[in-house]
PDB file of all heavy atoms in Angstrom:
ATOM      1  N   PHE A   1       0.893  -1.193   0.033  1.00  0.00           N
ATOM      2  CA  PHE A   1       0.050  -0.006  -0.037  1.00  0.00           C
ATOM      3  C   PHE A   1       0.855   1.235  -0.005  1.00  0.00           C
ATOM      4  O   PHE A   1       1.615   1.467   0.953  1.00  0.00           O
ATOM      5  CB  PHE A   1      -0.843   0.000   1.241  1.00  0.00           C
ATOM      6  CG  PHE A   1      -2.023   1.009   1.150  1.00  0.00           C
ATOM      7  CD1 PHE A   1      -3.298   0.640   0.880  1.00  0.00           C
ATOM      8  CD2 PHE A   1      -1.686   2.370   1.322  1.00  0.00           C
ATOM      9  CE1 PHE A   1      -4.305   1.516   0.771  1.00  0.00           C
ATOM     10  CE2 PHE A   1      -2.781   3.345   1.309  1.00  0.00           C
ATOM     11  CZ  PHE A   1      -3.988   2.882   1.042  1.00  0.00           C
ATOM     12  N   ASP A   2       0.842   1.884  -1.085  1.00  0.00           N
ATOM     13  CA  ASP A   2       1.751   3.184  -1.257  1.00  0.00           C
ATOM     14  C   ASP A   2       3.248   2.804  -1.093  1.00  0.00           C
ATOM     15  O   ASP A   2       3.907   3.582  -0.354  1.00  0.00           O
ATOM     16  CB  ASP A   2       1.241   4.241  -0.284  1.00  0.00           C
ATOM     17  CG  ASP A   2       1.589   5.649  -0.788  1.00  0.00           C
ATOM     18  OD1 ASP A   2       2.010   5.768  -1.975  1.00  0.00           O
ATOM     19  OD2 ASP A   2       1.454   6.548  -0.057  1.00  0.00           O
ATOM     20  N   GLY A   3       3.532   1.664  -1.497  1.00  0.00           N
ATOM     21  CA  GLY A   3       4.892   1.127  -1.457  1.00  0.00           C
ATOM     22  C   GLY A   3       5.320   0.482  -0.121  1.00  0.00           C
ATOM     23  O   GLY A   3       6.461  -0.031  -0.048  1.00  0.00           O
ATOM     24  N   VAL A   4       4.490   0.409   0.761  1.00  0.00           N
ATOM     25  CA  VAL A   4       4.660  -0.169   2.079  1.00  0.00           C
ATOM     26  C   VAL A   4       4.123  -1.647   2.118  1.00  0.00           C
ATOM     27  O   VAL A   4       2.921  -1.749   1.883  1.00  0.00           O
ATOM     28  CB  VAL A   4       4.138   0.612   3.266  1.00  0.00           C
ATOM     29  CG1 VAL A   4       4.446  -0.140   4.636  1.00  0.00           C
ATOM     30  CG2 VAL A   4       4.828   1.963   3.230  1.00  0.00           C
ATOM     31  N   ARG A   5       4.933  -2.668   2.450  1.00  0.00           N
ATOM     32  CA  ARG A   5       4.268  -4.024   2.496  1.00  0.00           C
ATOM     33  C   ARG A   5       3.391  -4.122   3.693  1.00  0.00           C
ATOM     34  O   ARG A   5       3.783  -3.735   4.900  1.00  0.00           O
ATOM     35  CB  ARG A   5       5.455  -5.006   2.644  1.00  0.00           C
ATOM     36  CG  ARG A   5       4.987  -6.540   2.694  1.00  0.00           C
ATOM     37  CD  ARG A   5       6.319  -7.350   2.766  1.00  0.00           C
ATOM     38  NE  ARG A   5       5.915  -8.802   2.738  1.00  0.00           N
ATOM     39  CZ  ARG A   5       5.638  -9.435   3.796  1.00  0.00           C
ATOM     40  NH1 ARG A   5       5.561  -8.949   4.947  1.00  0.00           N
ATOM     41  NH2 ARG A   5       5.354 -10.799   3.708  1.00  0.00           N
ATOM     42  N   ILE A   6       2.169  -4.538   3.539  1.00  0.00           N
ATOM     43  CA  ILE A   6       1.188  -4.660   4.569  1.00  0.00           C
ATOM     44  C   ILE A   6       0.696  -5.959   4.916  1.00  0.00           C
ATOM     45  O   ILE A   6      -0.458  -6.157   5.461  1.00  0.00           O
ATOM     46  CB  ILE A   6      -0.064  -3.679   4.309  1.00  0.00           C
ATOM     47  CG1 ILE A   6      -0.681  -3.938   3.009  1.00  0.00           C
ATOM     48  CG2 ILE A   6       0.488  -2.245   4.256  1.00  0.00           C
ATOM     49  CD1 ILE A   6      -1.965  -3.214   2.682  1.00  0.00           C
ATOM     50  N   ASN A   7       1.418  -7.062   4.476  1.00  0.00           N
ATOM     51  CA  ASN A   7       0.987  -8.449   4.817  1.00  0.00           C
ATOM     52  C   ASN A   7       0.699  -8.438   6.411  1.00  0.00           C
ATOM     53  O   ASN A   7       1.646  -8.102   7.125  1.00  0.00           O
ATOM     54  CB  ASN A   7       2.014  -9.402   4.402  1.00  0.00           C
ATOM     55  CG  ASN A   7       2.078  -9.580   2.911  1.00  0.00           C
ATOM     56  OD1 ASN A   7       2.163  -8.568   2.144  1.00  0.00           O
ATOM     57  ND2 ASN A   7       2.212 -10.825   2.454  1.00  0.00           N
ATOM     58  N   GLY A   8      -0.426  -9.015   6.754  1.00  0.00           N
ATOM     59  CA  GLY A   8      -0.650  -9.255   8.153  1.00  0.00           C
ATOM     60  C   GLY A   8      -1.182  -7.925   8.883  1.00  0.00           C
ATOM     61  O   GLY A   8      -1.670  -8.076  10.040  1.00  0.00           O
ATOM     62  N   VAL A   9      -1.228  -6.803   8.263  1.00  0.00           N
ATOM     63  CA  VAL A   9      -1.729  -5.663   8.967  1.00  0.00           C
ATOM     64  C   VAL A   9      -3.317  -5.759   8.956  1.00  0.00           C
ATOM     65  O   VAL A   9      -3.915  -6.051   7.938  1.00  0.00           O
ATOM     66  CB  VAL A   9      -1.380  -4.392   8.064  1.00  0.00           C
ATOM     67  CG1 VAL A   9      -2.107  -3.154   8.698  1.00  0.00           C
ATOM     68  CG2 VAL A   9       0.151  -4.132   8.080  1.00  0.00           C
ATOM     69  N   PRO A  10      -3.957  -5.727  10.132  1.00  0.00           N
ATOM     70  CA  PRO A  10      -5.344  -5.916  10.254  1.00  0.00           C
ATOM     71  C   PRO A  10      -6.185  -4.813   9.533  1.00  0.00           C
ATOM     72  O   PRO A  10      -5.670  -3.757   9.285  1.00  0.00           O
ATOM     73  CB  PRO A  10      -5.641  -5.957  11.739  1.00  0.00           C
ATOM     74  CG  PRO A  10      -4.501  -5.068  12.323  1.00  0.00           C
ATOM     75  CD  PRO A  10      -3.376  -5.448  11.375  1.00  0.00           C
ATOM     76  N   PRO A  11      -7.441  -5.149   9.250  1.00  0.00           N
ATOM     77  CA  PRO A  11      -8.258  -4.191   8.479  1.00  0.00           C
ATOM     78  C   PRO A  11      -8.397  -2.781   9.170  1.00  0.00           C
ATOM     79  O   PRO A  11      -8.312  -1.861   8.436  1.00  0.00           O
ATOM     80  CB  PRO A  11      -9.633  -4.883   8.490  1.00  0.00           C
ATOM     81  CG  PRO A  11      -9.378  -6.290   8.564  1.00  0.00           C
ATOM     82  CD  PRO A  11      -8.120  -6.444   9.507  1.00  0.00           C
ATOM     83  N   TYR A  12      -8.488  -2.753  10.428  1.00  0.00           N
ATOM     84  CA  TYR A  12      -8.694  -1.432  11.042  1.00  0.00           C
ATOM     85  C   TYR A  12      -7.447  -0.556  11.117  1.00  0.00           C
ATOM     86  O   TYR A  12      -7.646   0.694  11.326  1.00  0.00           O
ATOM     87  CB  TYR A  12      -9.198  -1.627  12.538  1.00  0.00           C
ATOM     88  CG  TYR A  12      -8.188  -2.149  13.484  1.00  0.00           C
ATOM     89  CD1 TYR A  12      -7.381  -1.192  14.199  1.00  0.00           C
ATOM     90  CD2 TYR A  12      -7.941  -3.482  13.673  1.00  0.00           C
ATOM     91  CE1 TYR A  12      -6.397  -1.640  15.228  1.00  0.00           C
ATOM     92  CE2 TYR A  12      -6.978  -3.938  14.626  1.00  0.00           C
ATOM     93  CZ  TYR A  12      -6.245  -3.033  15.262  1.00  0.00           C
ATOM     94  OH  TYR A  12      -5.285  -3.517  16.265  1.00  0.00           O
ATOM     95  N   LYS A  13      -6.311  -1.093  10.745  1.00  0.00           N
ATOM     96  CA  LYS A  13      -5.151  -0.362  10.552  1.00  0.00           C
ATOM     97  C   LYS A  13      -4.835   0.136   9.155  1.00  0.00           C
ATOM     98  O   LYS A  13      -3.827   0.788   8.891  1.00  0.00           O
ATOM     99  CB  LYS A  13      -3.915  -1.065  11.123  1.00  0.00           C
ATOM    100  CG  LYS A  13      -3.925  -1.266  12.655  1.00  0.00           C
ATOM    101  CD  LYS A  13      -2.671  -1.904  13.157  1.00  0.00           C
ATOM    102  CE  LYS A  13      -2.659  -2.125  14.607  1.00  0.00           C
ATOM    103  NZ  LYS A  13      -1.399  -2.652  15.175  1.00  0.00           N
ATOM    104  N   ARG A  14      -5.647  -0.311   8.214  1.00  0.00           N
ATOM    105  CA  ARG A  14      -5.590  -0.059   6.792  1.00  0.00           C
ATOM    106  C   ARG A  14      -6.358   1.166   6.459  1.00  0.00           C
ATOM    107  O   ARG A  14      -7.401   1.439   7.005  1.00  0.00           O
ATOM    108  CB  ARG A  14      -5.792  -1.196   5.892  1.00  0.00           C
ATOM    109  CG  ARG A  14      -4.987  -2.407   6.275  1.00  0.00           C
ATOM    110  CD  ARG A  14      -5.115  -3.568   5.177  1.00  0.00           C
ATOM    111  NE  ARG A  14      -4.283  -4.701   5.529  1.00  0.00           N
ATOM    112  CZ  ARG A  14      -4.010  -5.614   4.745  1.00  0.00           C
ATOM    113  NH1 ARG A  14      -4.385  -5.641   3.384  1.00  0.00           N
ATOM    114  NH2 ARG A  14      -3.205  -6.697   5.112  1.00  0.00           N
ATOM    115  N   LYS A  15      -5.875   1.952   5.485  1.00  0.00           N
ATOM    116  CA  LYS A  15      -6.578   3.094   5.055  1.00  0.00           C
ATOM    117  C   LYS A  15      -7.785   2.808   3.991  1.00  0.00           C
ATOM    118  O   LYS A  15      -7.859   3.371   2.953  1.00  0.00           O
ATOM    119  CB  LYS A  15      -5.601   4.178   4.395  1.00  0.00           C
ATOM    120  CG  LYS A  15      -4.490   4.488   5.367  1.00  0.00           C
ATOM    121  CD  LYS A  15      -3.438   5.277   4.614  1.00  0.00           C
ATOM    122  CE  LYS A  15      -2.134   5.529   5.556  1.00  0.00           C
ATOM    123  NZ  LYS A  15      -1.167   6.305   4.853  1.00  0.00           N
ATOM    124  N   VAL A  16      -8.499   1.862   4.378  1.00  0.00           N
ATOM    125  CA  VAL A  16      -9.583   1.336   3.533  1.00  0.00           C
ATOM    126  C   VAL A  16     -10.879   1.156   4.323  1.00  0.00           C
ATOM    127  O   VAL A  16     -10.862   0.946   5.565  1.00  0.00           O
ATOM    128  CB  VAL A  16      -9.230  -0.038   2.798  1.00  0.00           C
ATOM    129  CG1 VAL A  16      -8.001   0.067   2.050  1.00  0.00           C
ATOM    130  CG2 VAL A  16      -9.219  -1.150   3.874  1.00  0.00           C
ATOM    131  N   ASN A  17     -11.996   1.296   3.686  1.00  0.00           N
ATOM    132  CA  ASN A  17     -13.225   0.850   4.218  1.00  0.00           C
ATOM    133  C   ASN A  17     -14.043   0.011   3.173  1.00  0.00           C
ATOM    134  O   ASN A  17     -13.698  -0.027   2.009  1.00  0.00           O
ATOM    135  CB  ASN A  17     -14.156   2.198   4.519  1.00  0.00           C
ATOM    136  CG  ASN A  17     -14.011   2.619   5.927  1.00  0.00           C
ATOM    137  OD1 ASN A  17     -13.518   1.959   6.775  1.00  0.00           O
ATOM    138  ND2 ASN A  17     -14.453   3.849   6.254  1.00  0.00           N
ATOM    139  N   THR A  18     -15.019  -0.749   3.610  1.00  0.00           N
ATOM    140  CA  THR A  18     -15.654  -1.750   2.882  1.00  0.00           C
ATOM    141  C   THR A  18     -17.236  -1.520   2.865  1.00  0.00           C
ATOM    142  O   THR A  18     -17.728  -1.288   3.951  1.00  0.00           O
ATOM    143  CB  THR A  18     -15.357  -3.165   3.332  1.00  0.00           C
ATOM    144  OG1 THR A  18     -13.892  -3.414   3.315  1.00  0.00           O
ATOM    145  CG2 THR A  18     -15.888  -4.190   2.392  1.00  0.00           C
ATOM    146  N   VAL A  19     -17.807  -1.632   1.632  1.00  0.00           N
ATOM    147  CA  VAL A  19     -19.297  -1.670   1.559  1.00  0.00           C
ATOM    148  C   VAL A  19     -19.631  -3.040   1.160  1.00  0.00           C
ATOM    149  O   VAL A  19     -19.229  -3.492   0.024  1.00  0.00           O
ATOM    150  CB  VAL A  19     -19.734  -0.584   0.588  1.00  0.00           C
ATOM    151  CG1 VAL A  19     -21.271  -0.732   0.435  1.00  0.00           C
ATOM    152  CG2 VAL A  19     -19.379   0.777   1.037  1.00  0.00           C
ATOM    153  N   PHE A  20     -20.509  -3.774   1.931  1.00  0.00           N
ATOM    154  CA  PHE A  20     -20.840  -5.047   1.590  1.00  0.00           C
ATOM    155  C   PHE A  20     -22.241  -5.108   0.956  1.00  0.00           C
ATOM    156  O   PHE A  20     -23.035  -4.202   1.018  1.00  0.00           O
ATOM    157  CB  PHE A  20     -20.950  -5.957   2.957  1.00  0.00           C
ATOM    158  CG  PHE A  20     -19.661  -6.039   3.599  1.00  0.00           C
ATOM    159  CD1 PHE A  20     -19.346  -5.233   4.731  1.00  0.00           C
ATOM    160  CD2 PHE A  20     -18.602  -6.981   3.173  1.00  0.00           C
ATOM    161  CE1 PHE A  20     -18.159  -5.313   5.388  1.00  0.00           C
ATOM    162  CE2 PHE A  20     -17.443  -7.031   3.826  1.00  0.00           C
ATOM    163  CZ  PHE A  20     -17.177  -6.199   5.030  1.00  0.00           C
ATOM    164  N   GLN A  21     -22.537  -6.287   0.342  1.00  0.00           N
ATOM    165  CA  GLN A  21     -23.830  -6.438  -0.340  1.00  0.00           C
ATOM    166  C   GLN A  21     -24.997  -6.234   0.664  1.00  0.00           C
ATOM    167  O   GLN A  21     -26.052  -5.718   0.234  1.00  0.00           O
ATOM    168  CB  GLN A  21     -23.816  -7.736  -1.078  1.00  0.00           C
ATOM    169  CG  GLN A  21     -25.215  -8.018  -1.816  1.00  0.00           C
ATOM    170  CD  GLN A  21     -25.194  -9.373  -2.597  1.00  0.00           C
ATOM    171  OE1 GLN A  21     -24.146  -9.909  -2.778  1.00  0.00           O
ATOM    172  NE2 GLN A  21     -26.360  -9.802  -3.019  1.00  0.00           N
ATOM    173  N   LYS A  22     -24.814  -6.797   1.779  1.00  0.00           N
ATOM    174  CA  LYS A  22     -25.862  -6.782   2.805  1.00  0.00           C
ATOM    175  C   LYS A  22     -25.887  -5.580   3.668  1.00  0.00           C
ATOM    176  O   LYS A  22     -26.515  -5.473   4.749  1.00  0.00           O
ATOM    177  CB  LYS A  22     -25.893  -8.090   3.655  1.00  0.00           C
ATOM    178  CG  LYS A  22     -26.148  -9.281   2.753  1.00  0.00           C
ATOM    179  CD  LYS A  22     -26.154 -10.643   3.588  1.00  0.00           C
ATOM    180  CE  LYS A  22     -26.358 -11.784   2.684  1.00  0.00           C
ATOM    181  NZ  LYS A  22     -26.436 -13.075   3.416  1.00  0.00           N
ATOM    182  N   TYR A  23     -25.008  -4.562   3.328  1.00  0.00           N
ATOM    183  CA  TYR A  23     -25.017  -3.248   4.031  1.00  0.00           C
ATOM    184  C   TYR A  23     -24.492  -3.251   5.395  1.00  0.00           C
ATOM    185  O   TYR A  23     -23.683  -2.380   5.765  1.00  0.00           O
ATOM    186  CB  TYR A  23     -26.452  -2.575   4.073  1.00  0.00           C
ATOM    187  CG  TYR A  23     -27.161  -2.694   2.754  1.00  0.00           C
ATOM    188  CD1 TYR A  23     -28.510  -2.733   2.760  1.00  0.00           C
ATOM    189  CD2 TYR A  23     -26.486  -2.582   1.523  1.00  0.00           C
ATOM    190  CE1 TYR A  23     -29.254  -2.874   1.570  1.00  0.00           C
ATOM    191  CE2 TYR A  23     -27.282  -2.737   0.295  1.00  0.00           C
ATOM    192  CZ  TYR A  23     -28.565  -2.857   0.380  1.00  0.00           C
ATOM    193  OH  TYR A  23     -29.314  -2.919  -0.871  1.00  0.00           O
ATOM    194  N   ALA A  24     -24.826  -4.216   6.283  1.00  0.00           N
ATOM    195  CA  ALA A  24     -24.383  -4.306   7.642  1.00  0.00           C
ATOM    196  C   ALA A  24     -24.654  -3.096   8.440  1.00  0.00           C
ATOM    197  O   ALA A  24     -23.751  -2.656   9.265  1.00  0.00           O
ATOM    198  CB  ALA A  24     -22.871  -4.673   7.670  1.00  0.00           C
ATOM    199  N   LEU A  25     -25.797  -2.505   8.310  1.00  0.00           N
ATOM    200  CA  LEU A  25     -26.157  -1.291   9.025  1.00  0.00           C
ATOM    201  C   LEU A  25     -26.624  -1.779  10.409  1.00  0.00           C
ATOM    202  O   LEU A  25     -27.151  -2.860  10.580  1.00  0.00           O
ATOM    203  CB  LEU A  25     -27.330  -0.522   8.407  1.00  0.00           C
ATOM    204  CG  LEU A  25     -27.009   0.098   7.016  1.00  0.00           C
ATOM    205  CD1 LEU A  25     -28.219   0.751   6.416  1.00  0.00           C
ATOM    206  CD2 LEU A  25     -25.793   1.015   7.158  1.00  0.00           C
ATOM    207  N   PHE A  26     -26.525  -0.904  11.378  1.00  0.00           N
ATOM    208  CA  PHE A  26     -26.949  -1.135  12.819  1.00  0.00           C
ATOM    209  C   PHE A  26     -28.499  -0.913  12.846  1.00  0.00           C
ATOM    210  O   PHE A  26     -28.849   0.308  12.868  1.00  0.00           O
ATOM    211  CB  PHE A  26     -26.208  -0.379  13.763  1.00  0.00           C
ATOM    212  CG  PHE A  26     -24.722  -0.695  13.775  1.00  0.00           C
ATOM    213  CD1 PHE A  26     -23.872   0.349  13.419  1.00  0.00           C
ATOM    214  CD2 PHE A  26     -24.189  -1.929  14.094  1.00  0.00           C
ATOM    215  CE1 PHE A  26     -22.414   0.095  13.410  1.00  0.00           C
ATOM    216  CE2 PHE A  26     -22.804  -2.141  14.068  1.00  0.00           C
ATOM    217  CZ  PHE A  26     -21.999  -1.176  13.670  1.00  0.00           C
ATOM    218  N   PRO A  27     -29.318  -1.928  13.114  1.00  0.00           N
ATOM    219  CA  PRO A  27     -30.758  -1.685  13.075  1.00  0.00           C
ATOM    220  C   PRO A  27     -31.278  -0.838  14.251  1.00  0.00           C
ATOM    221  O   PRO A  27     -32.308  -0.211  14.222  1.00  0.00           O
ATOM    222  CB  PRO A  27     -31.374  -3.039  13.121  1.00  0.00           C
ATOM    223  CG  PRO A  27     -30.310  -3.880  13.724  1.00  0.00           C
ATOM    224  CD  PRO A  27     -28.961  -3.367  13.232  1.00  0.00           C
ATOM    225  N   HIS A  28     -30.461  -0.830  15.358  1.00  0.00           N
ATOM    226  CA  HIS A  28     -30.903  -0.099  16.601  1.00  0.00           C
ATOM    227  C   HIS A  28     -30.421   1.368  16.555  1.00  0.00           C
ATOM    228  O   HIS A  28     -30.780   2.127  17.403  1.00  0.00           O
ATOM    229  CB  HIS A  28     -30.291  -0.702  17.825  1.00  0.00           C
ATOM    230  CG  HIS A  28     -28.847  -0.713  17.890  1.00  0.00           C
ATOM    231  ND1 HIS A  28     -28.008  -1.569  17.038  1.00  0.00           N
ATOM    232  CD2 HIS A  28     -27.973   0.005  18.570  1.00  0.00           C
ATOM    233  CE1 HIS A  28     -26.762  -1.360  17.350  1.00  0.00           C
ATOM    234  NE2 HIS A  28     -26.695  -0.429  18.320  1.00  0.00           N
ATOM    235  N   LEU A  29     -29.715   1.751  15.527  1.00  0.00           N
ATOM    236  CA  LEU A  29     -29.241   3.150  15.369  1.00  0.00           C
ATOM    237  C   LEU A  29     -29.977   3.833  14.204  1.00  0.00           C
ATOM    238  O   LEU A  29     -30.279   3.207  13.254  1.00  0.00           O
ATOM    239  CB  LEU A  29     -27.723   3.201  15.225  1.00  0.00           C
ATOM    240  CG  LEU A  29     -26.803   2.610  16.281  1.00  0.00           C
ATOM    241  CD1 LEU A  29     -25.407   2.718  15.795  1.00  0.00           C
ATOM    242  CD2 LEU A  29     -27.110   3.285  17.613  1.00  0.00           C
ATOM    243  N   ASN A  30     -30.198   5.137  14.329  1.00  0.00           N
ATOM    244  CA  ASN A  30     -30.781   5.873  13.264  1.00  0.00           C
ATOM    245  C   ASN A  30     -29.742   6.153  12.188  1.00  0.00           C
ATOM    246  O   ASN A  30     -28.516   5.845  12.308  1.00  0.00           O
ATOM    247  CB  ASN A  30     -31.516   7.105  13.675  1.00  0.00           C
ATOM    248  CG  ASN A  30     -30.579   8.150  14.388  1.00  0.00           C
ATOM    249  OD1 ASN A  30     -29.326   8.074  14.131  1.00  0.00           O
ATOM    250  ND2 ASN A  30     -31.096   9.017  15.203  1.00  0.00           N
ATOM    251  N   VAL A  31     -30.069   6.816  11.060  1.00  0.00           N
ATOM    252  CA  VAL A  31     -29.191   7.128  10.032  1.00  0.00           C
ATOM    253  C   VAL A  31     -27.950   7.901  10.534  1.00  0.00           C
ATOM    254  O   VAL A  31     -26.765   7.539  10.142  1.00  0.00           O
ATOM    255  CB  VAL A  31     -29.874   7.862   8.885  1.00  0.00           C
ATOM    256  CG1 VAL A  31     -28.899   8.391   7.796  1.00  0.00           C
ATOM    257  CG2 VAL A  31     -30.876   6.916   8.235  1.00  0.00           C
ATOM    258  N   TYR A  32     -28.160   8.956  11.228  1.00  0.00           N
ATOM    259  CA  TYR A  32     -27.106   9.745  11.730  1.00  0.00           C
ATOM    260  C   TYR A  32     -26.101   8.956  12.567  1.00  0.00           C
ATOM    261  O   TYR A  32     -24.868   9.039  12.271  1.00  0.00           O
ATOM    262  CB  TYR A  32     -27.614  10.940  12.610  1.00  0.00           C
ATOM    263  CG  TYR A  32     -26.514  11.832  13.172  1.00  0.00           C
ATOM    264  CD1 TYR A  32     -26.229  13.023  12.455  1.00  0.00           C
ATOM    265  CD2 TYR A  32     -25.877  11.565  14.314  1.00  0.00           C
ATOM    266  CE1 TYR A  32     -25.280  13.862  12.935  1.00  0.00           C
ATOM    267  CE2 TYR A  32     -24.903  12.480  14.791  1.00  0.00           C
ATOM    268  CZ  TYR A  32     -24.607  13.571  14.127  1.00  0.00           C
ATOM    269  OH  TYR A  32     -23.655  14.379  14.558  1.00  0.00           O
ATOM    270  N   GLU A  33     -26.605   8.194  13.494  1.00  0.00           N
ATOM    271  CA  GLU A  33     -25.715   7.423  14.380  1.00  0.00           C
ATOM    272  C   GLU A  33     -24.991   6.273  13.574  1.00  0.00           C
ATOM    273  O   GLU A  33     -23.879   5.946  13.963  1.00  0.00           O
ATOM    274  CB  GLU A  33     -26.455   6.871  15.585  1.00  0.00           C
ATOM    275  CG  GLU A  33     -26.964   7.875  16.537  1.00  0.00           C
ATOM    276  CD  GLU A  33     -25.825   8.704  17.124  1.00  0.00           C
ATOM    277  OE1 GLU A  33     -24.665   8.149  17.224  1.00  0.00           O
ATOM    278  OE2 GLU A  33     -26.036   9.928  17.347  1.00  0.00           O
TER     279      GLU A  33
END
C-alpha cells in the first residue's frame, strides 16, 4: 500500500473501508448514528 508491505496488517489499521452487499447497518441506530 503506497509502497509499504502490509501483509498481516489488520483491517482497522489499513486506510480502507468496505461496503458489503448486505449493507451491515446497525438496526438499533438511526441514520445519523
